[in-house]
Amino acid sequence: LEPNLQTPRTVYIESIKNSLAALELCSCGKFAELECTECRAKGYCSDICQQKDWLTHSATCRIVSARRRKDKRLRKKKRMIEKKTKEIKRTGYTPRPDVCICGCDAE
């Protein structure tokens, strides 16, 4: 693939099983085989291209990586709540006896 500014950022190719696979392009126009390890949202063909693009990518990277960390914390919290809920349903024990297991307002 020749470097071309008119080339879209993502190229879709058809695989053997007729499903689509996305290949991201580096800022130089080559296929991106590496990704930013912080945000994982930007692809690069080499370390050199990543270093050249850092000034442009750094602001976006901070925003995307902060969002990824927040989403990760929320998923972890959700898993913990699901685990506790499952344990309460299994054992019937609640740390507060005035709270019903089913979630109703009955005391």
C-alpha atoms as a PDB file:
ATOM      1  CA  LEU A   1       0.000   0.000   0.000  1.00  0.00           C
ATOM      2  CA  GLU A   2       1.467   3.304  -1.073  1.00  0.00           C
ATOM      3  CA  PRO A   3       1.357   6.198   1.434  1.00  0.00           C
ATOM      4  CA  ASN A   4      -1.649   8.296   0.496  1.00  0.00           C
ATOM      5  CA  LEU A   5      -3.344  11.022   2.489  1.00  0.00           C
ATOM      6  CA  GLN A   6      -6.667  10.235   0.799  1.00  0.00           C
ATOM      7  CA  THR A   7      -6.621   6.637   2.125  1.00  0.00           C
ATOM      8  CA  PRO A   8      -9.171   6.071   4.899  1.00  0.00           C
ATOM      9  CA  ARG A   9      -7.852   5.458   8.436  1.00  0.00           C
ATOM     10  CA  THR A  10      -9.353   1.959   8.577  1.00  0.00           C
ATOM     11  CA  VAL A  11      -9.400  -0.599   5.790  1.00  0.00           C
ATOM     12  CA  TYR A  12     -11.820  -3.501   5.894  1.00  0.00           C
ATOM     13  CA  ILE A  13     -10.794  -6.784   4.348  1.00  0.00           C
ATOM     14  CA  GLU A  14     -12.913  -9.858   3.828  1.00  0.00           C
ATOM     15  CA  SER A  15     -11.584 -12.936   5.542  1.00  0.00           C
ATOM     16  CA  ILE A  16     -12.034 -16.560   4.497  1.00  0.00           C
ATOM     17  CA  LYS A  17     -15.194 -16.967   6.592  1.00  0.00           C
ATOM     18  CA  ASN A  18     -16.834 -13.894   4.983  1.00  0.00           C
ATOM     19  CA  SER A  19     -16.488 -11.815   8.130  1.00  0.00           C
ATOM     20  CA  LEU A  20     -14.921  -8.393   8.081  1.00  0.00           C
ATOM     21  CA  ALA A  21     -11.595  -7.669   9.746  1.00  0.00           C
ATOM     22  CA  ALA A  22     -10.466  -4.098  10.323  1.00  0.00           C
ATOM     23  CA  LEU A  23      -6.886  -3.075   9.641  1.00  0.00           C
ATOM     24  CA  GLU A  24      -5.945   0.362  10.875  1.00  0.00           C
ATOM     25  CA  LEU A  25      -3.510   2.465   8.938  1.00  0.00           C
ATOM     26  CA  CYS A  26      -0.562   4.304  10.456  1.00  0.00           C
ATOM     27  CA  SER A  27      -0.258   8.052   9.951  1.00  0.00           C
ATOM     28  CA  CYS A  28       2.321   7.342   7.221  1.00  0.00           C
ATOM     29  CA  GLY A  29      -0.171   5.195   5.286  1.00  0.00           C
ATOM     30  CA  LYS A  30       1.273   1.750   6.059  1.00  0.00           C
ATOM     31  CA  PHE A  31      -0.698  -0.933   7.879  1.00  0.00           C
ATOM     32  CA  ALA A  32      -0.504  -0.537  11.654  1.00  0.00           C
ATOM     33  CA  GLU A  33       0.911  -3.610  13.375  1.00  0.00           C
ATOM     34  CA  LEU A  34       1.500  -1.915  16.738  1.00  0.00           C
ATOM     35  CA  GLU A  35      -0.796   0.105  18.960  1.00  0.00           C
ATOM     36  CA  CYS A  36      -0.357   2.782  21.591  1.00  0.00           C
ATOM     37  CA  THR A  37       0.111   0.830  24.810  1.00  0.00           C
ATOM     38  CA  GLU A  38      -1.543   3.537  26.908  1.00  0.00           C
ATOM     39  CA  CYS A  39      -4.850   4.149  25.093  1.00  0.00           C
ATOM     40  CA  ARG A  40      -4.869   1.261  22.590  1.00  0.00           C
ATOM     41  CA  ALA A  41      -6.828   3.506  20.234  1.00  0.00           C
ATOM     42  CA  LYS A  42      -4.082   4.463  17.789  1.00  0.00           C
ATOM     43  CA  GLY A  43      -2.146   2.135  15.520  1.00  0.00           C
ATOM     44  CA  TYR A  44       1.407   2.499  14.242  1.00  0.00           C
ATOM     45  CA  CYS A  45       3.627   0.650  11.803  1.00  0.00           C
ATOM     46  CA  SER A  46       6.798   1.221  13.861  1.00  0.00           C
ATOM     47  CA  ASP A  47       8.212   2.803  16.997  1.00  0.00           C
ATOM     48  CA  ILE A  48       9.619   5.619  14.873  1.00  0.00           C
ATOM     49  CA  CYS A  49       6.170   6.562  13.547  1.00  0.00           C
ATOM     50  CA  GLN A  50       4.779   6.448  17.080  1.00  0.00           C
ATOM     51  CA  GLN A  51       7.493   8.823  18.313  1.00  0.00           C
ATOM     52  CA  LYS A  52       6.904  11.194  15.379  1.00  0.00           C
ATOM     53  CA  ASP A  53       3.141  11.236  16.042  1.00  0.00           C
ATOM     54  CA  TRP A  54       3.380  11.688  19.839  1.00  0.00           C
ATOM     55  CA  LEU A  55       2.866  15.471  19.857  1.00  0.00           C
ATOM     56  CA  THR A  56      -0.327  15.074  17.839  1.00  0.00           C
ATOM     57  CA  HIS A  57      -1.559  11.980  19.682  1.00  0.00           C
ATOM     58  CA  SER A  58      -0.667  12.903  23.277  1.00  0.00           C
ATOM     59  CA  ALA A  59      -3.757  15.024  24.046  1.00  0.00           C
ATOM     60  CA  THR A  60      -6.148  12.429  22.644  1.00  0.00           C
ATOM     61  CA  CYS A  61      -4.211   9.646  24.345  1.00  0.00           C
ATOM     62  CA  ARG A  62      -4.669  11.203  27.797  1.00  0.00           C
ATOM     63  CA  ILE A  63      -8.423  11.550  27.312  1.00  0.00           C
ATOM     64  CA  VAL A  64      -8.927   8.055  25.889  1.00  0.00           C
ATOM     65  CA  SER A  65      -6.702   6.346  28.468  1.00  0.00           C
ATOM     66  CA  ALA A  66      -8.456   8.178  31.334  1.00  0.00           C
ATOM     67  CA  ARG A  67     -11.801   6.963  29.961  1.00  0.00           C
ATOM     68  CA  ARG A  68     -10.435   3.395  29.662  1.00  0.00           C
ATOM     69  CA  ARG A  69      -9.228   3.479  33.287  1.00  0.00           C
ATOM     70  CA  LYS A  70     -12.611   4.783  34.453  1.00  0.00           C
ATOM     71  CA  ASP A  71     -14.458   2.100  32.472  1.00  0.00           C
ATOM     72  CA  LYS A  72     -12.144  -0.545  33.921  1.00  0.00           C
ATOM     73  CA  ARG A  73     -12.891   0.648  37.480  1.00  0.00           C
ATOM     74  CA  LEU A  74     -16.637   0.619  36.764  1.00  0.00           C
ATOM     75  CA  ARG A  75     -16.479  -2.912  35.322  1.00  0.00           C
ATOM     76  CA  LYS A  76     -14.526  -4.065  38.369  1.00  0.00           C
ATOM     77  CA  LYS A  77     -17.060  -2.452  40.717  1.00  0.00           C
ATOM     78  CA  LYS A  78     -19.947  -4.033  38.771  1.00  0.00           C
ATOM     79  CA  ARG A  79     -18.318  -7.482  38.991  1.00  0.00           C
ATOM     80  CA  MET A  80     -17.820  -7.025  42.739  1.00  0.00           C
ATOM     81  CA  ILE A  81     -21.482  -6.056  43.234  1.00  0.00           C
ATOM     82  CA  GLU A  82     -22.626  -9.017  41.126  1.00  0.00           C
ATOM     83  CA  LYS A  83     -20.410 -11.341  43.163  1.00  0.00           C
ATOM     84  CA  LYS A  84     -21.780  -9.996  46.463  1.00  0.00           C
ATOM     85  CA  THR A  85     -25.365 -10.214  45.187  1.00  0.00           C
ATOM     86  CA  LYS A  86     -24.809 -13.805  44.093  1.00  0.00           C
ATOM     87  CA  GLU A  87     -23.324 -14.655  47.503  1.00  0.00           C
ATOM     88  CA  ILE A  88     -26.261 -13.033  49.325  1.00  0.00           C
ATOM     89  CA  LYS A  89     -28.769 -14.953  47.185  1.00  0.00           C
ATOM     90  CA  ARG A  90     -26.855 -18.173  47.763  1.00  0.00           C
ATOM     91  CA  THR A  91     -26.531 -17.850  51.536  1.00  0.00           C
ATOM     92  CA  GLY A  92     -29.501 -15.625  52.361  1.00  0.00           C
ATOM     93  CA  TYR A  93     -27.246 -13.503  54.582  1.00  0.00           C
ATOM     94  CA  THR A  94     -27.390  -9.727  54.484  1.00  0.00           C
ATOM     95  CA  PRO A  95     -25.125  -7.559  56.637  1.00  0.00           C
ATOM     96  CA  ARG A  96     -28.152  -5.391  57.478  1.00  0.00           C
ATOM     97  CA  PRO A  97     -31.124  -7.429  58.690  1.00  0.00           C
ATOM     98  CA  ASP A  98     -33.527  -4.545  57.947  1.00  0.00           C
ATOM     99  CA  VAL A  99     -32.828  -4.937  54.208  1.00  0.00           C
ATOM    100  CA  CYS A 100     -34.701  -7.676  52.401  1.00  0.00           C
ATOM    101  CA  ILE A 101     -32.773  -9.913  50.010  1.00  0.00           C
ATOM    102  CA  CYS A 102     -35.248  -9.391  47.173  1.00  0.00           C
ATOM    103  CA  GLY A 103     -34.807  -5.614  47.304  1.00  0.00           C
ATOM    104  CA  CYS A 104     -38.305  -4.734  48.417  1.00  0.00           C
ATOM    105  CA  ASP A 105     -38.941  -2.053  51.037  1.00  0.00           C
ATOM    106  CA  ALA A 106     -40.356  -4.512  53.570  1.00  0.00           C
ATOM    107  CA  GLU A 107     -38.747  -4.429  57.005  1.00  0.00           C
END
